[in-house]
Amino acid sequence: MNRKTELGKIGEDLACGYLVEKGYKIIERNWKKPWGELDIIARGPDKTLVFVEVKTMKHFTSGIKPEDQMTAAKLGKVRRAASLYAGSGRTTVSKRGWRIDALALTVNLKEDGEYTLASIAHYENI
């Protein structure tokens, strides 16, 4: 596993912990199809089906934030994948419907090689 893949997995693990703490139920992770990928699929506390795009960066002072990586093209791919998943019958879509959220995480690398969460921003219904 390369460093970028490792950082992404760590970010998704931290994101899942954050979501569970907030009352979300994780349904699936890393759902992949040729036309797109969904990082986390969860059921929100209000029963809404939530597709979560996770962006993770190491903490730098460069002024670039993880959410800056969420381009219009990337959001379009996530919307398409979410729509196809929601219509596939893999899980029930409640009357509340579905939405796309983004979690932007920054992490610090400790001397022992472990990552710790520096900050997290949750953007709902992007």
Protein backbone atom coordinates (compact mmCIF):
# COMPACT_ATOMS: atom_id res chain seq x y z
CA MET A 1 0.00 0.00 0.00
CA ASN A 2 1.48 3.36 -0.98
CA ARG A 3 1.47 6.40 1.34
CA LYS A 4 -1.46 8.08 -0.43
CA THR A 5 -3.59 4.92 -0.21
CA GLU A 6 -2.58 4.46 3.43
CA LEU A 7 -3.49 8.08 4.24
CA GLY A 8 -6.85 7.65 2.50
CA LYS A 9 -7.66 4.50 4.47
CA ILE A 10 -6.66 6.17 7.75
CA GLY A 11 -8.87 9.13 6.87
CA GLU A 12 -11.81 6.86 6.09
CA ASP A 13 -11.29 4.94 9.36
CA LEU A 14 -11.29 8.23 11.30
CA ALA A 15 -14.32 9.45 9.32
CA CYS A 16 -16.27 6.28 10.17
CA GLY A 17 -15.45 6.74 13.85
CA TYR A 18 -16.63 10.35 13.68
CA LEU A 19 -19.88 9.38 11.93
CA VAL A 20 -20.68 6.55 14.35
CA GLU A 21 -20.07 8.95 17.25
CA LYS A 22 -22.61 11.31 15.65
CA GLY A 23 -25.26 8.55 15.43
CA TYR A 24 -24.71 7.35 11.85
CA LYS A 25 -24.82 3.65 10.96
CA ILE A 26 -22.17 2.59 8.43
CA ILE A 27 -23.68 0.45 5.66
CA GLU A 28 -20.74 0.04 3.27
CA ARG A 29 -17.26 1.36 2.60
CA ASN A 30 -15.36 1.72 -0.67
CA TRP A 31 -18.22 0.73 -2.96
CA LYS A 32 -16.66 0.64 -6.42
CA LYS A 33 -18.08 0.28 -9.89
CA PRO A 34 -16.52 1.14 -13.26
CA TRP A 35 -18.45 4.43 -13.31
CA GLY A 36 -17.56 5.61 -9.82
CA GLU A 37 -16.68 5.03 -6.20
CA LEU A 38 -18.34 5.90 -2.90
CA ASP A 39 -16.09 6.17 0.15
CA ILE A 40 -18.73 5.65 2.85
CA ILE A 41 -22.42 4.83 2.64
CA ALA A 42 -24.25 5.43 5.90
CA ARG A 43 -27.69 5.88 7.42
CA GLY A 44 -28.01 9.22 9.20
CA PRO A 45 -29.56 9.65 12.64
CA ASP A 46 -32.75 10.84 10.89
CA LYS A 47 -32.73 7.70 8.62
CA THR A 48 -31.53 9.60 5.54
CA LEU A 49 -29.23 7.58 3.27
CA VAL A 50 -25.93 9.49 3.26
CA PHE A 51 -23.07 9.11 0.77
CA VAL A 52 -19.88 10.50 2.29
CA GLU A 53 -16.87 11.65 0.28
CA VAL A 54 -13.76 11.72 2.47
CA LYS A 55 -10.81 14.02 1.75
CA THR A 56 -7.74 13.63 3.95
CA MET A 57 -4.48 15.58 4.07
CA LYS A 58 -1.49 15.73 6.34
CA HIS A 59 -1.51 18.95 8.34
CA PHE A 60 0.61 21.55 6.57
CA THR A 61 0.62 25.31 6.75
CA SER A 62 0.45 25.70 2.97
CA GLY A 63 -3.07 27.12 3.09
CA ILE A 64 -4.49 24.23 1.07
CA LYS A 65 -7.35 22.44 2.81
CA PRO A 66 -8.68 18.92 2.13
CA GLU A 67 -11.99 20.31 0.91
CA ASP A 68 -10.09 22.14 -1.85
CA GLN A 69 -9.63 18.70 -3.43
CA MET A 70 -13.41 18.37 -3.95
CA THR A 71 -13.61 19.50 -7.56
CA ALA A 72 -16.78 19.88 -9.61
CA ALA A 73 -15.72 16.89 -11.71
CA LYS A 74 -15.22 14.73 -8.60
CA LEU A 75 -18.57 15.82 -7.16
CA GLY A 76 -20.25 14.94 -10.46
CA LYS A 77 -18.81 11.41 -10.30
CA VAL A 78 -19.93 11.01 -6.70
CA ARG A 79 -23.45 12.25 -7.57
CA ARG A 80 -23.70 9.77 -10.44
CA ALA A 81 -22.48 6.85 -8.31
CA ALA A 82 -24.80 7.84 -5.44
CA SER A 83 -27.80 8.06 -7.75
CA LEU A 84 -27.05 4.65 -9.23
CA TYR A 85 -26.54 3.11 -5.78
CA ALA A 86 -29.76 4.66 -4.40
CA GLY A 87 -31.72 3.26 -7.34
CA SER A 88 -30.12 -0.20 -7.24
CA GLY A 89 -32.22 -1.60 -4.41
CA ARG A 90 -29.10 -2.50 -2.37
CA THR A 91 -30.61 -0.70 0.61
CA THR A 92 -33.91 0.96 1.38
CA VAL A 93 -34.14 4.68 0.72
CA SER A 94 -36.42 6.19 3.35
CA LYS A 95 -38.97 8.92 2.76
CA ARG A 96 -36.19 11.33 3.76
CA GLY A 97 -34.31 10.37 0.58
CA TRP A 98 -30.55 10.61 0.24
CA ARG A 99 -27.83 13.23 0.26
CA ILE A 100 -24.10 13.64 -0.27
CA ASP A 101 -21.86 14.88 2.53
CA ALA A 102 -18.14 15.61 2.54
CA LEU A 103 -15.76 15.09 5.43
CA ALA A 104 -12.49 17.03 5.24
CA LEU A 105 -9.84 15.72 7.61
CA THR A 106 -6.35 16.88 8.44
CA VAL A 107 -4.07 14.50 10.30
CA ASN A 108 -0.72 14.80 12.04
CA LEU A 109 2.01 12.18 11.71
CA LYS A 110 3.49 11.37 15.10
CA GLU A 111 7.13 10.36 15.60
CA ASP A 112 6.11 6.71 16.03
CA GLY A 113 4.54 6.72 12.54
CA GLU A 114 0.93 6.83 13.77
CA TYR A 115 -1.55 9.40 12.49
CA THR A 116 -3.75 11.46 14.80
CA LEU A 117 -6.74 13.56 13.85
CA ALA A 118 -5.92 17.27 13.77
CA SER A 119 -9.25 18.58 12.48
CA ILE A 120 -12.45 17.48 10.80
CA ALA A 121 -15.05 19.52 8.92
CA HIS A 122 -18.43 18.01 8.01
CA TYR A 123 -20.24 19.50 5.03
CA GLU A 124 -23.81 18.24 4.70
CA ASN A 125 -25.84 18.03 1.50
CA ILE A 126 -23.17 19.36 -0.85
